[in-house]
Amino acid sequence: MDITVFLKYLELEKRFSAHTIKAYQSDLFQFFAYLEETYSLTSILEVRHFHIRAWVVELMHNKITPRSINRKLSTLKTYFKFLKRRKEIQENPMLKVIAPKVGKRLPVVVKEIELENLFEKINFGEGYAAVRDEMVMEMLYSTGMRRSELINLTPNDLDFFNNQVKVLGKGNKERLIPFARPLADRLKNYLDIRNDEFGLSSTESLFLTEKGKEMYPKLVYNLVKKYLSQITTVEQRSPHVLRHSFATHLSNNGADLNAIKELLGHSSLAATQVYTHNSIEKLKKVYQQAHPKAKKKPE
């Protein structure tokens, strides 16, 4: 089952990132392998809704989480809609498939005091890599940008006159994120060290490996995990946790939800509203501790 045209559609029309396209490809190959192994099907024209339902049961039997299953079903939904629009199939089998229910999961967040400790008490060391690591951590937390957005930054994206950074987000949508003056000063210092080390032009990547090459996703993940492990006990210690922390701390301190949406580059407010839940949990604790009707009466 050839999906080359579909993958090109995701790249050129949907403008999905390379990471997302790779995930779609993996999901489809997994589904095709199941069809061939279980039903000896080699043509997409033969796929019916009960084949997909059976695959879902198989995934659940293998302890795949409902959230992951729903992501795979989303891949199939996009794929079959694509085939239907091209009139390669007459009926969309996904219309009779019900996705498993997923419980609400609040974003994992690092406490404000813990991140203060990271930048005030942790010794990042000396040399280019140490300065770079500190700047990567600061940029992720201070701007809430995605890991892919950080990797794609160039010095030209930094506007020190207005203290803002231009970010190319999902769907090739550009947005501007402001940053504080102290961060601007540290970025200038980092650029001096970077340029002394590698002598590269402003069109090169902003953050580089120790060999002067563009940083890659696993390297960013590893360094974030390394430093978060020193200041927090949260189980997830990925770059996205810093994005969650950025948004939640803004919400906790009274930032407007629409403003947070714009800073994060969300296409709809619904995606941003999850960050209000953590704020509500904080308010509940305050209420329980402070309101006369909420306090437990001594027996």
C-alpha atoms as a PDB file:
ATOM      1  CA  MET A   1       0.000   0.000   0.000  1.00  0.00           C
ATOM      2  CA  ASP A   2       1.824   3.059  -1.275  1.00  0.00           C
ATOM      3  CA  ILE A   3       1.374   6.205   0.858  1.00  0.00           C
ATOM      4  CA  THR A   4       3.945   8.421  -0.900  1.00  0.00           C
ATOM      5  CA  VAL A   5       1.308  10.790  -2.328  1.00  0.00           C
ATOM      6  CA  PHE A   6      -0.421  11.016   1.059  1.00  0.00           C
ATOM      7  CA  LEU A   7       2.829  11.925   2.813  1.00  0.00           C
ATOM      8  CA  LYS A   8       3.491  14.617   0.201  1.00  0.00           C
ATOM      9  CA  TYR A   9      -0.005  15.957   0.872  1.00  0.00           C
ATOM     10  CA  LEU A  10       0.790  16.196   4.596  1.00  0.00           C
ATOM     11  CA  GLU A  11       4.032  18.018   3.836  1.00  0.00           C
ATOM     12  CA  LEU A  12       2.942  20.424   1.115  1.00  0.00           C
ATOM     13  CA  GLU A  13      -0.745  21.085   1.797  1.00  0.00           C
ATOM     14  CA  LYS A  14      -1.217  20.376   5.494  1.00  0.00           C
ATOM     15  CA  ARG A  15       2.297  21.692   6.199  1.00  0.00           C
ATOM     16  CA  PHE A  16       2.900  19.178   8.953  1.00  0.00           C
ATOM     17  CA  SER A  17       6.335  19.013  10.545  1.00  0.00           C
ATOM     18  CA  ALA A  18       8.773  16.250   9.608  1.00  0.00           C
ATOM     19  CA  HIS A  19       8.273  14.757  13.073  1.00  0.00           C
ATOM     20  CA  THR A  20       4.476  14.585  12.631  1.00  0.00           C
ATOM     21  CA  ILE A  21       4.755  13.108   9.135  1.00  0.00           C
ATOM     22  CA  LYS A  22       7.083  10.421  10.467  1.00  0.00           C
ATOM     23  CA  ALA A  23       4.517   9.578  13.169  1.00  0.00           C
ATOM     24  CA  TYR A  24       1.727   9.310  10.550  1.00  0.00           C
ATOM     25  CA  GLN A  25       3.901   7.059   8.427  1.00  0.00           C
ATOM     26  CA  SER A  26       4.693   4.823  11.397  1.00  0.00           C
ATOM     27  CA  ASP A  27       0.999   4.532  12.363  1.00  0.00           C
ATOM     28  CA  LEU A  28      -0.014   3.579   8.824  1.00  0.00           C
ATOM     29  CA  PHE A  29       2.760   1.014   8.430  1.00  0.00           C
ATOM     30  CA  GLN A  30       1.731  -0.516  11.760  1.00  0.00           C
ATOM     31  CA  PHE A  31      -1.903  -0.694  10.625  1.00  0.00           C
ATOM     32  CA  PHE A  32      -0.977  -2.196   7.239  1.00  0.00           C
ATOM     33  CA  ALA A  33       1.200  -4.833   8.920  1.00  0.00           C
ATOM     34  CA  TYR A  34      -1.723  -5.796  11.163  1.00  0.00           C
ATOM     35  CA  LEU A  35      -4.082  -6.099   8.171  1.00  0.00           C
ATOM     36  CA  GLU A  36      -1.692  -8.314   6.264  1.00  0.00           C
ATOM     37  CA  GLU A  37      -0.781 -10.517   9.226  1.00  0.00           C
ATOM     38  CA  THR A  38      -4.319 -10.918  10.594  1.00  0.00           C
ATOM     39  CA  TYR A  39      -6.515 -10.776   7.488  1.00  0.00           C
ATOM     40  CA  SER A  40      -4.044 -11.233   4.602  1.00  0.00           C
ATOM     41  CA  LEU A  41      -5.222  -7.878   3.218  1.00  0.00           C
ATOM     42  CA  THR A  42      -2.881  -6.063   0.861  1.00  0.00           C
ATOM     43  CA  SER A  43      -5.301  -3.560  -0.699  1.00  0.00           C
ATOM     44  CA  ILE A  44      -6.741  -0.512   1.048  1.00  0.00           C
ATOM     45  CA  LEU A  45      -9.926  -1.027  -0.987  1.00  0.00           C
ATOM     46  CA  GLU A  46     -10.707  -4.090   1.113  1.00  0.00           C
ATOM     47  CA  VAL A  47     -10.537  -2.346   4.486  1.00  0.00           C
ATOM     48  CA  ARG A  48     -13.823  -2.144   6.414  1.00  0.00           C
ATOM     49  CA  HIS A  49     -14.757  -0.604   9.743  1.00  0.00           C
ATOM     50  CA  PHE A  50     -14.591  -3.951  11.578  1.00  0.00           C
ATOM     51  CA  HIS A  51     -10.943  -4.352  10.573  1.00  0.00           C
ATOM     52  CA  ILE A  52     -10.150  -1.032  12.249  1.00  0.00           C
ATOM     53  CA  ARG A  53     -12.212  -1.913  15.332  1.00  0.00           C
ATOM     54  CA  ALA A  54     -10.338  -5.198  15.636  1.00  0.00           C
ATOM     55  CA  TRP A  55      -7.042  -3.328  15.420  1.00  0.00           C
ATOM     56  CA  VAL A  56      -8.159  -1.040  18.257  1.00  0.00           C
ATOM     57  CA  VAL A  57      -8.970  -4.112  20.377  1.00  0.00           C
ATOM     58  CA  GLU A  58      -5.543  -5.533  19.554  1.00  0.00           C
ATOM     59  CA  LEU A  59      -3.855  -2.291  20.608  1.00  0.00           C
ATOM     60  CA  MET A  60      -5.793  -2.195  23.881  1.00  0.00           C
ATOM     61  CA  HIS A  61      -4.871  -5.832  24.520  1.00  0.00           C
ATOM     62  CA  ASN A  62      -1.224  -4.801  24.091  1.00  0.00           C
ATOM     63  CA  LYS A  63      -1.675  -2.134  26.808  1.00  0.00           C
ATOM     64  CA  ILE A  64      -1.488   0.821  24.399  1.00  0.00           C
ATOM     65  CA  THR A  65      -3.049   3.842  26.124  1.00  0.00           C
ATOM     66  CA  PRO A  66      -6.352   5.296  24.866  1.00  0.00           C
ATOM     67  CA  ARG A  67      -4.525   8.555  24.132  1.00  0.00           C
ATOM     68  CA  SER A  68      -2.031   6.791  21.852  1.00  0.00           C
ATOM     69  CA  ILE A  69      -4.802   4.784  20.184  1.00  0.00           C
ATOM     70  CA  ASN A  70      -6.731   7.978  19.473  1.00  0.00           C
ATOM     71  CA  ARG A  71      -3.652   9.468  17.855  1.00  0.00           C
ATOM     72  CA  LYS A  72      -3.376   6.437  15.576  1.00  0.00           C
ATOM     73  CA  LEU A  73      -7.090   6.668  14.731  1.00  0.00           C
ATOM     74  CA  SER A  74      -6.596  10.336  13.914  1.00  0.00           C
ATOM     75  CA  THR A  75      -3.955   9.248  11.402  1.00  0.00           C
ATOM     76  CA  LEU A  76      -6.386   6.799   9.808  1.00  0.00           C
ATOM     77  CA  LYS A  77      -9.139   9.420   9.776  1.00  0.00           C
ATOM     78  CA  THR A  78      -6.933  11.861   7.857  1.00  0.00           C
ATOM     79  CA  TYR A  79      -5.744   9.112   5.511  1.00  0.00           C
ATOM     80  CA  PHE A  80      -9.201   7.785   4.597  1.00  0.00           C
ATOM     81  CA  LYS A  81     -10.599  11.304   4.146  1.00  0.00           C
ATOM     82  CA  PHE A  82      -7.713  11.921   1.747  1.00  0.00           C
ATOM     83  CA  LEU A  83      -8.522   8.733  -0.207  1.00  0.00           C
ATOM     84  CA  LYS A  84     -12.236   9.566  -0.292  1.00  0.00           C
ATOM     85  CA  ARG A  85     -11.556  13.069  -1.606  1.00  0.00           C
ATOM     86  CA  ARG A  86      -9.392  11.572  -4.363  1.00  0.00           C
ATOM     87  CA  LYS A  87     -12.190   9.038  -5.065  1.00  0.00           C
ATOM     88  CA  GLU A  88      -9.843   6.120  -4.477  1.00  0.00           C
ATOM     89  CA  ILE A  89     -12.421   4.627  -2.085  1.00  0.00           C
ATOM     90  CA  GLN A  90     -16.219   4.890  -2.162  1.00  0.00           C
ATOM     91  CA  GLU A  91     -16.907   4.675   1.582  1.00  0.00           C
ATOM     92  CA  ASN A  92     -14.907   5.900   4.535  1.00  0.00           C
ATOM     93  CA  PRO A  93     -14.630   3.005   7.054  1.00  0.00           C
ATOM     94  CA  MET A  94     -13.683   5.420   9.834  1.00  0.00           C
ATOM     95  CA  LEU A  95     -17.264   6.766   9.981  1.00  0.00           C
ATOM     96  CA  LYS A  96     -18.326   3.654  11.909  1.00  0.00           C
ATOM     97  CA  VAL A  97     -15.369   3.611  14.288  1.00  0.00           C
ATOM     98  CA  ILE A  98     -15.723   5.080  17.792  1.00  0.00           C
ATOM     99  CA  ALA A  99     -12.536   6.196  19.509  1.00  0.00           C
ATOM    100  CA  PRO A 100     -11.859   5.066  23.107  1.00  0.00           C
ATOM    101  CA  LYS A 101     -12.627   7.590  25.802  1.00  0.00           C
ATOM    102  CA  VAL A 102      -9.652   9.451  27.216  1.00  0.00           C
ATOM    103  CA  GLY A 103      -9.667  10.892  30.709  1.00  0.00           C
ATOM    104  CA  LYS A 104      -8.576  14.491  31.153  1.00  0.00           C
ATOM    105  CA  ARG A 105      -4.877  14.776  31.860  1.00  0.00           C
ATOM    106  CA  LEU A 106      -3.499  17.971  33.299  1.00  0.00           C
ATOM    107  CA  PRO A 107      -0.184  19.208  31.925  1.00  0.00           C
ATOM    108  CA  VAL A 108       2.916  18.317  33.915  1.00  0.00           C
ATOM    109  CA  VAL A 109       4.370  21.507  35.370  1.00  0.00           C
ATOM    110  CA  VAL A 110       7.565  22.389  37.218  1.00  0.00           C
ATOM    111  CA  LYS A 111       7.024  24.705  40.194  1.00  0.00           C
ATOM    112  CA  GLU A 112       8.054  28.346  39.869  1.00  0.00           C
ATOM    113  CA  ILE A 113      10.420  28.104  42.838  1.00  0.00           C
ATOM    114  CA  GLU A 114      12.108  25.056  41.302  1.00  0.00           C
ATOM    115  CA  LEU A 115      12.788  26.899  38.055  1.00  0.00           C
ATOM    116  CA  GLU A 116      14.076  29.878  40.017  1.00  0.00           C
ATOM    117  CA  ASN A 117      16.514  27.480  41.684  1.00  0.00           C
ATOM    118  CA  LEU A 118      17.564  26.167  38.275  1.00  0.00           C
ATOM    119  CA  PHE A 119      18.688  29.557  37.007  1.00  0.00           C
ATOM    120  CA  GLU A 120      19.964  30.943  40.323  1.00  0.00           C
ATOM    121  CA  LYS A 121      21.621  27.971  42.031  1.00  0.00           C
ATOM    122  CA  ILE A 122      22.544  25.358  39.427  1.00  0.00           C
ATOM    123  CA  ASN A 123      26.081  25.608  38.072  1.00  0.00           C
ATOM    124  CA  PHE A 124      25.950  25.023  34.308  1.00  0.00           C
ATOM    125  CA  GLY A 125      29.743  24.991  34.092  1.00  0.00           C
ATOM    126  CA  GLU A 126      32.081  26.817  31.728  1.00  0.00           C
ATOM    127  CA  GLY A 127      32.709  26.898  27.999  1.00  0.00           C
ATOM    128  CA  TYR A 128      30.451  27.145  24.979  1.00  0.00           C
ATOM    129  CA  ALA A 129      28.281  24.061  25.694  1.00  0.00           C
ATOM    130  CA  ALA A 130      27.541  25.209  29.256  1.00  0.00           C
ATOM    131  CA  VAL A 131      26.499  28.710  28.157  1.00  0.00           C
ATOM    132  CA  ARG A 132      24.418  27.203  25.346  1.00  0.00           C
ATOM    133  CA  ASP A 133      22.659  24.793  27.724  1.00  0.00           C
ATOM    134  CA  GLU A 134      21.673  27.607  30.052  1.00  0.00           C
ATOM    135  CA  MET A 135      20.360  29.691  27.160  1.00  0.00           C
ATOM    136  CA  VAL A 136      18.351  26.754  25.773  1.00  0.00           C
ATOM    137  CA  MET A 137      16.704  26.239  29.165  1.00  0.00           C
ATOM    138  CA  GLU A 138      15.990  29.949  29.513  1.00  0.00           C
ATOM    139  CA  MET A 139      14.578  30.317  26.017  1.00  0.00           C
ATOM    140  CA  LEU A 140      12.254  27.324  26.385  1.00  0.00           C
ATOM    141  CA  TYR A 141      10.894  28.514  29.716  1.00  0.00           C
ATOM    142  CA  SER A 142      10.891  32.271  29.024  1.00  0.00           C
ATOM    143  CA  THR A 143       9.132  32.010  25.655  1.00  0.00           C
ATOM    144  CA  GLY A 144       7.159  28.740  25.796  1.00  0.00           C
ATOM    145  CA  MET A 145       8.319  27.826  22.290  1.00  0.00           C
ATOM    146  CA  ARG A 146       8.346  24.248  21.050  1.00  0.00           C
ATOM    147  CA  ARG A 147      11.550  22.238  20.762  1.00  0.00           C
ATOM    148  CA  SER A 148      11.359  22.255  16.943  1.00  0.00           C
ATOM    149  CA  GLU A 149      10.868  26.026  16.965  1.00  0.00           C
ATOM    150  CA  LEU A 150      13.944  26.494  19.130  1.00  0.00           C
ATOM    151  CA  ILE A 151      16.088  24.303  16.868  1.00  0.00           C
ATOM    152  CA  ASN A 152      15.042  26.308  13.797  1.00  0.00           C
ATOM    153  CA  LEU A 153      15.967  29.705  15.282  1.00  0.00           C
ATOM    154  CA  THR A 154      18.703  31.814  13.700  1.00  0.00           C
ATOM    155  CA  PRO A 155      20.344  34.967  15.137  1.00  0.00           C
ATOM    156  CA  ASN A 156      18.335  36.960  12.581  1.00  0.00           C
ATOM    157  CA  ASP A 157      15.154  35.923  14.398  1.00  0.00           C
ATOM    158  CA  LEU A 158      16.244  37.895  17.473  1.00  0.00           C
ATOM    159  CA  ASP A 159      15.088  41.509  17.607  1.00  0.00           C
ATOM    160  CA  PHE A 160      17.050  43.227  20.375  1.00  0.00           C
ATOM    161  CA  PHE A 161      15.559  46.646  19.620  1.00  0.00           C
ATOM    162  CA  ASN A 162      12.065  45.430  20.542  1.00  0.00           C
ATOM    163  CA  ASN A 163      13.220  42.524  22.746  1.00  0.00           C
ATOM    164  CA  GLN A 164      11.283  39.881  20.855  1.00  0.00           C
ATOM    165  CA  VAL A 165      11.945  36.706  18.897  1.00  0.00           C
ATOM    166  CA  LYS A 166      10.323  35.606  15.630  1.00  0.00           C
ATOM    167  CA  VAL A 167       9.226  31.974  15.712  1.00  0.00           C
ATOM    168  CA  LEU A 168       8.096  29.771  12.831  1.00  0.00           C
ATOM    169  CA  GLY A 169       5.416  27.504  14.285  1.00  0.00           C
ATOM    170  CA  LYS A 170       3.095  24.774  13.062  1.00  0.00           C
ATOM    171  CA  GLY A 171       1.720  25.284   9.577  1.00  0.00           C
ATOM    172  CA  ASN A 172       4.595  27.696   8.867  1.00  0.00           C
ATOM    173  CA  LYS A 173       2.808  30.363  10.890  1.00  0.00           C
ATOM    174  CA  GLU A 174       5.065  33.086  12.237  1.00  0.00           C
ATOM    175  CA  ARG A 175       4.550  34.706  15.628  1.00  0.00           C
ATOM    176  CA  LEU A 176       6.468  37.150  17.797  1.00  0.00           C
ATOM    177  CA  ILE A 177       7.274  36.357  21.422  1.00  0.00           C
ATOM    178  CA  PRO A 178       8.601  39.078  23.735  1.00  0.00           C
ATOM    179  CA  PHE A 179      11.432  38.476  26.185  1.00  0.00           C
ATOM    180  CA  ALA A 180      12.752  40.416  29.155  1.00  0.00           C
ATOM    181  CA  ARG A 181      15.764  42.754  29.037  1.00  0.00           C
ATOM    182  CA  PRO A 182      17.959  40.531  31.270  1.00  0.00           C
ATOM    183  CA  LEU A 183      17.431  37.644  28.837  1.00  0.00           C
ATOM    184  CA  ALA A 184      18.335  39.938  25.941  1.00  0.00           C
ATOM    185  CA  ASP A 185      21.647  40.760  27.629  1.00  0.00           C
ATOM    186  CA  ARG A 186      22.418  37.072  28.196  1.00  0.00           C
ATOM    187  CA  LEU A 187      21.511  36.260  24.577  1.00  0.00           C
ATOM    188  CA  LYS A 188      23.967  38.910  23.362  1.00  0.00           C
ATOM    189  CA  ASN A 189      26.658  37.402  25.574  1.00  0.00           C
ATOM    190  CA  TYR A 190      25.854  33.931  24.226  1.00  0.00           C
ATOM    191  CA  LEU A 191      26.096  35.194  20.630  1.00  0.00           C
ATOM    192  CA  ASP A 192      29.542  36.663  21.328  1.00  0.00           C
ATOM    193  CA  ILE A 193      30.738  33.324  22.715  1.00  0.00           C
ATOM    194  CA  ARG A 194      29.104  31.385  19.858  1.00  0.00           C
ATOM    195  CA  ASN A 195      30.662  33.579  17.189  1.00  0.00           C
ATOM    196  CA  ASP A 196      34.097  33.492  18.834  1.00  0.00           C
ATOM    197  CA  GLU A 197      33.839  29.700  18.947  1.00  0.00           C
ATOM    198  CA  PHE A 198      32.595  29.058  15.406  1.00  0.00           C
ATOM    199  CA  GLY A 199      32.735  32.356  13.486  1.00  0.00           C
ATOM    200  CA  LEU A 200      29.434  31.623  11.752  1.00  0.00           C
ATOM    201  CA  SER A 201      27.075  34.027  10.019  1.00  0.00           C
ATOM    202  CA  SER A 202      23.756  35.226  11.394  1.00  0.00           C
ATOM    203  CA  THR A 203      21.895  32.928   8.993  1.00  0.00           C
ATOM    204  CA  GLU A 204      23.222  29.811  10.717  1.00  0.00           C
ATOM    205  CA  SER A 205      21.293  28.094  13.511  1.00  0.00           C
ATOM    206  CA  LEU A 206      21.217  30.015  16.776  1.00  0.00           C
ATOM    207  CA  PHE A 207      21.982  26.983  18.937  1.00  0.00           C
ATOM    208  CA  LEU A 208      24.736  24.626  17.833  1.00  0.00           C
ATOM    209  CA  THR A 209      26.376  21.405  18.928  1.00  0.00           C
ATOM    210  CA  GLU A 210      29.905  21.470  20.290  1.00  0.00           C
ATOM    211  CA  LYS A 211      31.056  20.747  16.723  1.00  0.00           C
ATOM    212  CA  GLY A 212      29.223  23.760  15.303  1.00  0.00           C
ATOM    213  CA  LYS A 213      26.380  21.814  13.721  1.00  0.00           C
ATOM    214  CA  GLU A 214      22.621  22.419  14.102  1.00  0.00           C
ATOM    215  CA  MET A 215      21.227  20.970  17.303  1.00  0.00           C
ATOM    216  CA  TYR A 216      18.986  17.919  16.916  1.00  0.00           C
ATOM    217  CA  PRO A 217      15.822  16.989  18.891  1.00  0.00           C
ATOM    218  CA  LYS A 218      17.383  14.233  21.030  1.00  0.00           C
ATOM    219  CA  LEU A 219      20.204  16.526  22.162  1.00  0.00           C
ATOM    220  CA  VAL A 220      17.734  19.191  23.290  1.00  0.00           C
ATOM    221  CA  TYR A 221      15.645  16.555  25.083  1.00  0.00           C
ATOM    222  CA  ASN A 222      18.676  15.100  26.868  1.00  0.00           C
ATOM    223  CA  LEU A 223      19.983  18.425  28.146  1.00  0.00           C
ATOM    224  CA  VAL A 224      16.518  19.497  29.384  1.00  0.00           C
ATOM    225  CA  LYS A 225      16.100  16.176  31.187  1.00  0.00           C
ATOM    226  CA  LYS A 226      19.577  16.521  32.679  1.00  0.00           C
ATOM    227  CA  TYR A 227      18.939  19.920  34.258  1.00  0.00           C
ATOM    228  CA  LEU A 228      15.309  19.356  35.279  1.00  0.00           C
ATOM    229  CA  SER A 229      16.413  16.187  37.084  1.00  0.00           C
ATOM    230  CA  GLN A 230      18.515  18.378  39.353  1.00  0.00           C
ATOM    231  CA  ILE A 231      15.661  20.586  40.547  1.00  0.00           C
ATOM    232  CA  THR A 232      12.360  18.658  40.336  1.00  0.00           C
ATOM    233  CA  THR A 233      10.817  15.268  41.033  1.00  0.00           C
ATOM    234  CA  VAL A 234       8.172  15.405  38.274  1.00  0.00           C
ATOM    235  CA  GLU A 235       8.275  12.241  36.191  1.00  0.00           C
ATOM    236  CA  GLN A 236       8.217  13.985  32.809  1.00  0.00           C
ATOM    237  CA  ARG A 237      11.284  16.148  32.212  1.00  0.00           C
ATOM    238  CA  SER A 238      11.011  17.041  28.542  1.00  0.00           C
ATOM    239  CA  PRO A 239      11.203  20.365  26.655  1.00  0.00           C
ATOM    240  CA  HIS A 240       7.400  20.353  26.456  1.00  0.00           C
ATOM    241  CA  VAL A 241       7.213  20.415  30.263  1.00  0.00           C
ATOM    242  CA  LEU A 242       8.933  23.806  30.146  1.00  0.00           C
ATOM    243  CA  ARG A 243       6.295  24.949  27.635  1.00  0.00           C
ATOM    244  CA  HIS A 244       3.560  23.740  30.007  1.00  0.00           C
ATOM    245  CA  SER A 245       5.274  25.512  32.893  1.00  0.00           C
ATOM    246  CA  PHE A 246       5.546  28.765  30.914  1.00  0.00           C
ATOM    247  CA  ALA A 247       1.807  28.777  30.151  1.00  0.00           C
ATOM    248  CA  THR A 248       0.665  27.649  33.600  1.00  0.00           C
ATOM    249  CA  HIS A 249       2.818  30.189  35.439  1.00  0.00           C
ATOM    250  CA  LEU A 250       1.446  32.950  33.210  1.00  0.00           C
ATOM    251  CA  SER A 251      -2.095  31.797  33.977  1.00  0.00           C
ATOM    252  CA  ASN A 252      -1.383  31.510  37.709  1.00  0.00           C
ATOM    253  CA  ASN A 253      -0.143  35.093  37.729  1.00  0.00           C
ATOM    254  CA  GLY A 254      -3.202  36.517  36.006  1.00  0.00           C
ATOM    255  CA  ALA A 255      -2.283  36.540  32.303  1.00  0.00           C
ATOM    256  CA  ASP A 256      -5.211  36.741  29.875  1.00  0.00           C
ATOM    257  CA  LEU A 257      -5.992  33.392  28.260  1.00  0.00           C
ATOM    258  CA  ASN A 258      -6.113  34.888  24.760  1.00  0.00           C
ATOM    259  CA  ALA A 259      -2.651  36.368  25.282  1.00  0.00           C
ATOM    260  CA  ILE A 260      -1.309  32.961  26.355  1.00  0.00           C
ATOM    261  CA  LYS A 261      -2.920  31.450  23.248  1.00  0.00           C
ATOM    262  CA  GLU A 262      -1.072  33.896  20.999  1.00  0.00           C
ATOM    263  CA  LEU A 263       2.235  33.355  22.778  1.00  0.00           C
ATOM    264  CA  LEU A 264       1.944  29.590  22.437  1.00  0.00           C
ATOM    265  CA  GLY A 265       0.858  29.761  18.808  1.00  0.00           C
ATOM    266  CA  HIS A 266      -2.333  27.760  19.379  1.00  0.00           C
ATOM    267  CA  SER A 267      -4.890  27.892  16.564  1.00  0.00           C
ATOM    268  CA  SER A 268      -7.859  27.752  18.956  1.00  0.00           C
ATOM    269  CA  LEU A 269      -8.565  28.788  22.527  1.00  0.00           C
ATOM    270  CA  ALA A 270      -9.681  25.244  23.391  1.00  0.00           C
ATOM    271  CA  ALA A 271      -6.070  24.032  23.268  1.00  0.00           C
ATOM    272  CA  THR A 272      -5.014  26.756  25.707  1.00  0.00           C
ATOM    273  CA  GLN A 273      -7.812  26.299  28.234  1.00  0.00           C
ATOM    274  CA  VAL A 274      -6.148  23.218  29.708  1.00  0.00           C
ATOM    275  CA  TYR A 275      -3.710  25.556  31.478  1.00  0.00           C
ATOM    276  CA  THR A 276      -6.522  27.111  33.493  1.00  0.00           C
ATOM    277  CA  HIS A 277      -7.123  23.761  35.220  1.00  0.00           C
ATOM    278  CA  ASN A 278      -3.846  23.987  37.099  1.00  0.00           C
ATOM    279  CA  SER A 279      -4.779  27.509  38.161  1.00  0.00           C
ATOM    280  CA  ILE A 280      -8.148  26.251  39.384  1.00  0.00           C
ATOM    281  CA  GLU A 281      -6.440  23.511  41.401  1.00  0.00           C
ATOM    282  CA  LYS A 282      -4.281  26.183  43.022  1.00  0.00           C
ATOM    283  CA  LEU A 283      -7.372  28.273  43.805  1.00  0.00           C
ATOM    284  CA  LYS A 284      -9.075  25.242  45.352  1.00  0.00           C
ATOM    285  CA  LYS A 285      -6.158  24.781  47.752  1.00  0.00           C
ATOM    286  CA  VAL A 286      -6.290  28.451  48.718  1.00  0.00           C
ATOM    287  CA  TYR A 287     -10.041  28.153  49.239  1.00  0.00           C
ATOM    288  CA  GLN A 288      -9.720  25.044  51.387  1.00  0.00           C
ATOM    289  CA  GLN A 289      -7.066  26.688  53.538  1.00  0.00           C
ATOM    290  CA  ALA A 290      -8.623  30.141  53.872  1.00  0.00           C
ATOM    291  CA  HIS A 291     -12.424  30.094  53.596  1.00  0.00           C
ATOM    292  CA  PRO A 292     -14.275  29.712  56.926  1.00  0.00           C
ATOM    293  CA  LYS A 293     -16.843  27.352  55.411  1.00  0.00           C
ATOM    294  CA  ALA A 294     -14.148  25.169  53.879  1.00  0.00           C
ATOM    295  CA  LYS A 295     -11.954  24.794  56.945  1.00  0.00           C
ATOM    296  CA  LYS A 296     -12.394  21.581  58.900  1.00  0.00           C
ATOM    297  CA  LYS A 297     -13.911  22.166  62.310  1.00  0.00           C
ATOM    298  CA  PRO A 298     -12.067  20.598  65.209  1.00  0.00           C
ATOM    299  CA  GLU A 299     -14.049  17.760  66.797  1.00  0.00           C
END
